[in-house]
Each structure stands twice: as structure tokens, then as C-alpha cells.
Amino acid sequence: MDTDTLNASINLVEDFQSLHATIAEDHGGDQTRSLIEYFRTPEARSLAQSSNAPLLHEAIDAYSRIVLAAWQEAHGADLRV
């Protein structure tokens, strides 16, 4: 897989370190959507390229659900992604 295609439009390391603050301050959901999309892109590519794809898919999907649930809990609303 070409890792150059996985460059995030967000500062992923800083956002992971302050994920709670990022989610709590993300009233419009744009940063949360970016995090979820960041993981969905390589997830889709890995499904077609890897024998470990089902495990990777499961792990990435779980992360996306956790981030989405955290945003929804913090804001008391659904986030459309």
C-alpha cells in the first residue's frame, strides 16, 4: 500500500493526544468526520490488498465507531458522516 496516499488533512498525532478536547470542541463535527474518513480510506484499500484485511477492517471500523460515539455523547446529537 502506498502510504503517501494516506496523508491526513488533520494533524493526526495531536488530535489523538487530545482526542477528548478535539471532540468536545468540534461542535460542527468537521474534525470528527475527518478522523473517521482518515481511517475509512485505508480500510477500503486494505480490504482489496491484504490477507489480514478482515482483522484490519474490524479494528479500523471499531475505531471509527468509538470516535463517532464519543462525539455524539459529547454533543448529545447524531453526527452525519
Protein backbone atom coordinates (compact mmCIF):
# COMPACT_ATOMS: atom_id res chain seq x y z
CA MET A 1 0.00 0.00 0.00
CA ASP A 2 1.31 3.44 -0.90
CA THR A 3 1.50 5.35 2.40
CA ASP A 4 1.75 8.69 0.61
CA THR A 5 -1.92 8.39 -0.27
CA LEU A 6 -2.83 8.18 3.41
CA ASN A 7 -1.78 11.71 4.34
CA ALA A 8 -4.41 13.19 6.61
CA SER A 9 -5.76 16.69 6.21
CA ILE A 10 -5.68 16.86 10.00
CA ASN A 11 -2.83 16.76 12.48
CA LEU A 12 -3.44 13.16 13.49
CA VAL A 13 -0.83 12.87 16.25
CA GLU A 14 -2.00 16.00 18.05
CA ASP A 15 -5.64 15.02 17.60
CA PHE A 16 -5.01 11.59 19.11
CA GLN A 17 -3.25 13.17 22.07
CA SER A 18 -6.14 15.48 22.72
CA LEU A 19 -8.98 13.45 21.25
CA HIS A 20 -11.40 14.27 24.04
CA ALA A 21 -10.80 18.01 23.69
CA THR A 22 -10.98 17.76 19.91
CA ILE A 23 -14.34 16.01 20.05
CA ALA A 24 -15.74 18.28 22.76
CA GLU A 25 -14.77 21.42 20.85
CA ASP A 26 -15.87 20.06 17.46
CA HIS A 27 -19.42 21.38 17.57
CA GLY A 28 -19.91 21.11 13.81
CA GLY A 29 -18.32 17.66 13.59
CA ASP A 30 -15.81 18.53 10.86
CA GLN A 31 -12.73 17.27 12.73
CA THR A 32 -14.54 14.10 13.79
CA ARG A 33 -15.63 13.44 10.21
CA SER A 34 -12.01 13.92 9.09
CA LEU A 35 -10.79 11.38 11.65
CA ILE A 36 -13.39 8.84 10.56
CA GLU A 37 -12.66 9.40 6.87
CA TYR A 38 -8.93 9.10 7.51
CA PHE A 39 -9.44 5.55 8.70
CA ARG A 40 -12.07 4.55 6.16
CA THR A 41 -9.79 5.31 3.21
CA PRO A 42 -7.01 2.83 4.04
CA GLU A 43 -9.64 0.39 5.32
CA ALA A 44 -11.21 0.19 1.88
CA ARG A 45 -7.82 -0.17 0.19
CA SER A 46 -6.63 -2.84 2.60
CA LEU A 47 -9.71 -4.98 2.03
CA ALA A 48 -8.64 -5.46 -1.56
CA GLN A 49 -4.92 -5.90 -0.90
CA SER A 50 -4.32 -7.85 2.29
CA SER A 51 -4.87 -11.35 3.59
CA ASN A 52 -5.26 -9.74 7.01
CA ALA A 53 -7.93 -7.44 5.65
CA PRO A 54 -10.80 -8.74 7.79
CA LEU A 55 -8.88 -8.11 11.01
CA LEU A 56 -7.71 -4.70 9.86
CA HIS A 57 -11.21 -3.82 8.72
CA GLU A 58 -12.61 -4.80 12.11
CA ALA A 59 -10.02 -2.72 14.01
CA ILE A 60 -10.45 0.39 11.89
CA ASP A 61 -14.23 0.10 11.94
CA ALA A 62 -14.16 -0.16 15.73
CA TYR A 63 -12.03 2.98 16.00
CA SER A 64 -14.42 4.88 13.74
CA ARG A 65 -17.41 3.80 15.83
CA ILE A 66 -15.67 4.84 19.06
CA VAL A 67 -14.80 8.30 17.72
CA LEU A 68 -18.34 8.76 16.39
CA ALA A 69 -19.91 7.62 19.66
CA ALA A 70 -17.64 9.93 21.65
CA TRP A 71 -18.66 12.92 19.55
CA GLN A 72 -22.34 12.06 19.83
CA GLU A 73 -22.02 11.64 23.61
CA ALA A 74 -20.16 14.93 23.97
CA HIS A 75 -22.70 16.87 21.89
CA GLY A 76 -25.91 14.99 22.59
CA ALA A 77 -26.70 14.75 18.89
CA ASP A 78 -26.16 12.47 15.91
CA LEU A 79 -23.27 13.27 13.58
CA ARG A 80 -23.90 12.66 9.92
CA VAL A 81 -20.83 11.14 8.24
